[in-house]
Protein backbone atom coordinates (compact mmCIF):
# COMPACT_ATOMS: atom_id res chain seq x y z
CA UNK A 1 2.80 45.99 14.20
CA UNK A 2 0.40 43.82 12.21
CA UNK A 3 1.91 41.65 9.52
CA UNK A 4 0.81 42.52 5.99
CA UNK A 5 -0.59 39.46 4.24
CA UNK A 6 0.13 39.15 0.54
CA UNK A 7 -2.13 36.14 0.01
CA UNK A 8 -5.92 36.21 -0.15
CA UNK A 9 -7.76 34.70 2.84
CA UNK A 10 -7.79 30.91 2.89
CA UNK A 11 -11.18 29.65 1.70
CA UNK A 12 -10.15 26.09 0.90
CA UNK A 13 -12.38 23.75 2.91
CA UNK A 14 -11.19 20.47 1.37
CA UNK A 15 -9.11 19.76 4.46
CA UNK A 16 -12.33 19.75 6.52
CA UNK A 17 -14.73 18.20 4.03
CA UNK A 18 -12.66 15.11 3.21
CA UNK A 19 -12.05 13.85 6.78
CA UNK A 20 -15.63 14.61 7.84
CA UNK A 21 -17.18 13.10 4.70
CA UNK A 22 -17.64 9.96 6.78
CA UNK A 23 -20.45 11.65 8.73
CA UNK A 24 -23.00 11.68 5.88
CA UNK A 25 -21.71 8.29 4.64
CA UNK A 26 -22.22 6.76 8.09
CA UNK A 27 -25.62 8.45 8.38
CA UNK A 28 -26.86 7.16 5.02
CA UNK A 29 -25.55 3.63 5.62
CA UNK A 30 -27.27 3.56 9.01
CA UNK A 31 -30.50 5.03 7.64
CA UNK A 32 -30.86 2.54 4.79
CA UNK A 33 -29.21 -0.59 6.21
CA UNK A 34 -29.27 -0.20 9.99
CA UNK A 35 -26.74 0.64 12.68
CA UNK A 36 -24.61 -2.55 12.33
CA UNK A 37 -23.90 -1.82 8.64
CA UNK A 38 -23.32 1.82 9.50
CA UNK A 39 -20.66 0.83 12.05
CA UNK A 40 -19.02 -1.58 9.61
CA UNK A 41 -18.96 1.20 7.00
CA UNK A 42 -17.42 3.53 9.57
CA UNK A 43 -14.76 0.94 10.43
CA UNK A 44 -13.87 0.34 6.78
CA UNK A 45 -13.63 4.08 6.13
CA UNK A 46 -11.29 4.46 9.09
CA UNK A 47 -8.98 1.80 7.65
CA UNK A 48 -9.00 3.54 4.25
CA UNK A 49 -8.34 6.84 6.03
CA UNK A 50 -5.38 5.29 7.86
CA UNK A 51 -3.93 3.87 4.63
CA UNK A 52 -3.83 7.36 3.13
CA UNK A 53 -1.92 8.74 6.10
CA UNK A 54 0.39 5.72 6.11
CA UNK A 55 1.25 6.55 2.50
CA UNK A 56 1.83 10.21 3.42
CA UNK A 57 4.11 9.09 6.26
CA UNK A 58 6.11 6.91 3.86
CA UNK A 59 6.42 9.86 1.45
CA UNK A 60 7.36 12.44 4.07
CA UNK A 61 8.45 10.67 7.29
CA UNK A 62 6.36 13.24 9.14
CA UNK A 63 5.52 11.62 12.48
CA UNK A 64 2.12 13.36 12.75
CA UNK A 65 0.91 11.39 9.72
CA UNK A 66 1.84 8.13 11.45
CA UNK A 67 -0.10 9.15 14.54
CA UNK A 68 -3.23 9.77 12.45
CA UNK A 69 -2.68 6.43 10.71
CA UNK A 70 -2.50 4.58 14.04
CA UNK A 71 -5.61 6.43 15.22
CA UNK A 72 -7.52 5.28 12.13
CA UNK A 73 -6.42 1.67 12.62
CA UNK A 74 -7.43 1.76 16.30
CA UNK A 75 -10.93 3.11 15.70
CA UNK A 76 -11.44 0.99 12.58
CA UNK A 77 -10.60 -2.09 14.62
CA UNK A 78 -12.93 -0.96 17.39
CA UNK A 79 -15.92 -0.49 15.11
CA UNK A 80 -15.44 -3.74 13.18
CA UNK A 81 -14.53 -6.08 16.04
CA UNK A 82 -16.94 -4.78 18.69
CA UNK A 83 -19.82 -3.96 16.34
CA UNK A 84 -21.90 -7.07 17.32
CA UNK A 85 -21.87 -5.95 20.97
CA UNK A 86 -22.47 -2.26 20.34
CA UNK A 87 -25.35 -0.91 22.42
CA UNK A 88 -25.75 -4.04 24.56
CA UNK A 89 -25.08 -4.43 28.26
CA UNK A 90 -22.62 -7.27 27.78
CA UNK A 91 -19.13 -7.30 29.22
CA UNK A 92 -17.78 -6.85 25.69
CA UNK A 93 -19.89 -3.72 25.25
CA UNK A 94 -18.57 -2.26 28.50
CA UNK A 95 -15.02 -3.04 27.39
CA UNK A 96 -15.78 -1.33 24.07
CA UNK A 97 -17.01 1.82 25.77
CA UNK A 98 -13.99 1.96 28.08
CA UNK A 99 -11.54 1.41 25.21
CA UNK A 100 -13.37 3.88 22.97
CA UNK A 101 -13.40 6.66 25.59
CA UNK A 102 -9.74 6.01 26.42
CA UNK A 103 -8.85 6.15 22.70
CA UNK A 104 -10.74 9.40 22.19
CA UNK A 105 -8.95 11.05 25.11
CA UNK A 106 -5.51 9.66 24.25
CA UNK A 107 -5.53 10.40 20.52
CA UNK A 108 -7.47 13.63 21.03
CA UNK A 109 -4.79 15.08 23.29
CA UNK A 110 -1.98 14.00 20.96
CA UNK A 111 -3.70 15.40 17.85
CA UNK A 112 -4.46 18.70 19.56
CA UNK A 113 -0.79 18.95 20.50
CA UNK A 114 0.33 18.18 16.93
CA UNK A 115 -2.06 20.77 15.49
CA UNK A 116 -1.10 23.51 17.97
CA UNK A 117 2.62 22.93 17.39
CA UNK A 118 2.02 22.97 13.59
CA UNK A 119 3.58 19.54 13.10
CA UNK A 120 0.50 18.47 11.17
CA UNK A 121 0.42 21.61 9.03
CA UNK A 122 1.45 21.75 5.39
CA UNK A 123 3.51 24.93 5.06
CA UNK A 124 2.65 26.10 1.57
CA UNK A 125 0.93 29.31 2.66
CA UNK A 126 3.92 30.31 4.77
CA UNK A 127 6.23 29.66 1.82
CA UNK A 128 4.14 31.85 -0.49
CA UNK A 129 3.85 34.59 2.12
CA UNK A 130 7.65 34.60 2.58
CA UNK A 131 8.12 34.73 -1.19
CA UNK A 132 5.76 37.69 -1.50
CA UNK A 133 7.26 39.66 1.40
CA UNK A 134 10.06 41.27 -0.60
CA UNK A 135 8.03 41.89 -3.77
CA UNK A 136 6.43 45.32 -3.79
CA UNK A 137 6.21 46.09 -7.48
CA UNK A 138 3.15 45.33 -9.56
CA UNK A 139 3.67 43.22 -12.66
CA UNK A 140 2.14 42.70 -16.05
CA UNK A 141 0.78 39.29 -15.22
CA UNK A 142 1.58 35.61 -15.24
CA UNK A 143 3.84 33.61 -17.53
CA UNK A 144 4.19 29.85 -17.40
CA UNK A 145 7.90 29.59 -18.18
CA UNK A 146 10.24 28.33 -15.41
CA UNK A 147 12.83 30.89 -14.34
CA UNK A 148 16.47 30.28 -13.36
CA UNK A 149 17.07 32.14 -10.11
CA UNK A 150 20.52 31.23 -8.80
CA UNK A 151 22.93 28.52 -7.75
CA UNK A 152 23.88 26.77 -4.53
CA UNK A 153 27.32 25.36 -3.79
CA UNK A 154 26.29 22.22 -1.97
CA UNK A 155 26.84 18.56 -2.67
CA UNK A 156 24.10 16.33 -4.00
CA UNK A 157 24.10 14.50 -0.68
CA UNK A 158 23.49 17.76 1.20
CA UNK A 159 20.64 18.67 -1.15
CA UNK A 160 19.10 15.21 -0.64
CA UNK A 161 19.32 15.68 3.12
CA UNK A 162 17.67 19.10 2.81
CA UNK A 163 14.86 17.63 0.68
CA UNK A 164 14.18 15.04 3.41
CA UNK A 165 14.06 17.88 5.95
CA UNK A 166 11.50 19.75 3.80
CA UNK A 167 9.34 16.66 3.45
CA UNK A 168 9.55 15.74 7.14
CA UNK A 169 8.39 19.20 8.20
CA UNK A 170 5.74 19.42 5.42
CA UNK A 171 7.51 22.42 3.88
CA UNK A 172 7.29 20.79 0.47
CA UNK A 173 6.57 17.47 -1.17
CA UNK A 174 9.75 16.18 -2.81
CA UNK A 175 10.29 14.54 -6.20
CA UNK A 176 13.75 13.10 -6.81
CA UNK A 177 15.32 11.93 -10.07
CA UNK A 178 18.93 11.17 -10.98
CA UNK A 179 19.42 14.76 -12.15
CA UNK A 180 16.99 16.87 -10.13
CA UNK A 181 15.47 17.42 -6.73
CA UNK A 182 12.14 19.21 -7.04
CA UNK A 183 10.33 20.73 -4.06
CA UNK A 184 6.60 21.38 -4.38
CA UNK A 185 5.13 23.56 -1.58
CA UNK A 186 1.60 22.48 -0.68
CA UNK A 187 -1.07 24.45 1.15
CA UNK A 188 -3.33 22.88 3.75
CA UNK A 189 -6.30 21.20 2.09
CA UNK A 190 -4.45 20.65 -1.18
CA UNK A 191 -2.42 17.67 0.04
CA UNK A 192 -5.11 15.12 -0.80
CA UNK A 193 -5.26 15.93 -4.51
CA UNK A 194 -1.51 16.31 -4.89
CA UNK A 195 -0.50 13.15 -3.04
CA UNK A 196 -3.19 11.01 -4.66
CA UNK A 197 -2.26 12.32 -8.10
CA UNK A 198 -5.65 13.96 -8.64
CA UNK A 199 -4.17 17.44 -9.14
CA UNK A 200 -2.27 16.56 -12.31
CA UNK A 201 1.44 16.39 -12.96
CA UNK A 202 3.55 18.05 -10.26
CA UNK A 203 5.47 19.87 -13.01
CA UNK A 204 2.34 21.95 -13.60
CA UNK A 205 2.32 22.99 -9.94
CA UNK A 206 4.53 25.53 -8.21
CA UNK A 207 8.00 24.10 -7.66
CA UNK A 208 11.61 24.93 -6.90
CA UNK A 209 14.11 22.69 -8.66
CA UNK A 210 17.74 21.97 -7.73
CA UNK A 211 19.74 20.18 -10.41
CA UNK A 212 22.91 18.13 -9.91
CA UNK A 213 25.06 21.22 -10.61
CA UNK A 214 23.31 23.30 -7.95
CA UNK A 215 21.38 25.42 -10.45
CA UNK A 216 18.06 26.59 -9.01
CA UNK A 217 14.98 27.21 -11.14
CA UNK A 218 11.42 28.11 -10.20
CA UNK A 219 7.98 27.61 -11.66
CA UNK A 220 4.89 29.25 -10.17
CA UNK A 221 1.49 27.94 -11.22
CA UNK A 222 -1.16 30.37 -12.38
CA UNK A 223 -3.47 29.20 -9.58
CA UNK A 224 -0.89 30.08 -6.92
CA UNK A 225 -0.01 33.38 -8.60
CA UNK A 226 -3.67 34.42 -8.64
CA UNK A 227 -3.89 33.60 -4.93
CA UNK A 228 -1.97 36.82 -4.20
CA UNK A 229 -4.11 39.85 -3.45
CA UNK A 230 -2.22 41.99 -5.98
CA UNK A 231 -0.60 41.12 -9.35
CA UNK A 232 2.98 41.07 -8.13
CA UNK A 233 5.97 41.42 -10.46
CA UNK A 234 6.28 37.85 -11.67
CA UNK A 235 10.03 37.72 -12.26
CA UNK A 236 10.68 39.13 -8.79
CA UNK A 237 8.24 36.69 -7.23
CA UNK A 238 9.99 33.73 -8.87
CA UNK A 239 13.38 35.01 -7.70
CA UNK A 240 12.04 35.58 -4.21
CA UNK A 241 10.55 32.07 -4.00
CA UNK A 242 13.83 30.55 -5.12
CA UNK A 243 15.71 32.69 -2.60
CA UNK A 244 13.45 31.47 0.22
CA UNK A 245 14.60 27.91 -0.43
CA UNK A 246 18.22 28.97 -0.98
CA UNK A 247 18.13 30.68 2.42
CA UNK A 248 16.54 27.57 3.92
CA UNK A 249 19.19 25.21 2.58
CA UNK A 250 21.95 27.52 3.82
CA UNK A 251 20.44 27.54 7.32
CA UNK A 252 19.90 23.80 7.25
CA UNK A 253 23.45 23.01 6.17
CA UNK A 254 24.78 25.20 8.98
CA UNK A 255 22.84 23.04 11.44
CA UNK A 256 20.22 25.74 11.98
CA UNK A 257 17.18 23.99 10.55
CA UNK A 258 15.14 25.11 13.56
CA UNK A 259 15.45 28.69 12.28
CA UNK A 260 13.67 27.63 9.10
CA UNK A 261 10.71 26.52 11.19
CA UNK A 262 10.92 29.70 13.27
CA UNK A 263 10.70 31.89 10.15
CA UNK A 264 7.45 30.21 9.16
CA UNK A 265 6.02 30.17 12.68
CA UNK A 266 6.76 33.91 13.03
CA UNK A 267 4.14 34.59 10.34
CA UNK A 268 1.52 33.36 12.81
CA UNK A 269 -0.80 31.93 10.19
CA UNK A 270 -3.74 29.83 11.32
CA UNK A 271 -3.00 26.28 12.45
CA UNK A 272 -5.43 24.99 9.82
CA UNK A 273 -4.59 27.37 6.97
C-alpha cells in the first residue's frame, strides 16, 4: 500500500545549488585570470566549504558533517599546494594525480554510503510527514501563536541527552537556555540559511519547546504550514507535532532510540529530500 504524502513535493534546490556554486565560480576565475588562479579559487572555496561543515559538526556532532569537512580540507590542500605542477609531467604532478584519484574514490565511497544510509540527511520532512499523518480534518487556516500540547515527566538531564540525540541524527537543530530546550526541525536544503543565521530568528521557525518543568509547546511557521497539500486543522497539527517529539523522547529514554530512526526511515522519503 502506497504511503499518502501530506507534504507537497520537494522543490527546494538550495541543497544542490550551494555546493555546486563553485563550478561557475571556478569557470569564471579560469576564464578571466587563467587556470592557476582558477585552481587557487577552487582550493580557497573548498576550505570555506569545510569550515561550514566543521561548524555544523560542532553544533550537531553528526559524524557525516566531519567527513565532508575533512574532504574539503583534503581537496583544498591538493589544489593549493600542487597547483604550480598541475598539468605538467613532473613527478609532483604524477603524485598529484595519484593522490587526487585516490581521494575521489575514498571520499566518494564514504559519502555515497552516508547518503544512502541517511546519515547526511536533515530529517525535517520526515518530522512534518509524521506530524501530518494523524491529522485528517481541514482547518480554518494558520495562526502564529505557540500552542501548549502536553507535558513530559523527565529530568532536565534526560531532556538534554535527548536534544543531543536529535542534533546528532539531524532530527532537529537544538537551542538551549537555562529554562528551555528548543528543537527546530530542518528540511534538506534549508540548513544553510538556518545555521548561518540567514533565515531569521529561530523563534520564527517551526519549533517544539521543552521547559524546565517538562511543559511542551509548539510553534509552526506559516511557511511550513503552507507546505502541506491541504489546509490541515492547525490545532491538531500542533498537537500532533508535539506528540511526535514526546513519543521520540519516550522511546529514547527507554533505550530505543533506534526506533526513532526506524519510524522516519519507514516513510521512505528521498535521500536528498
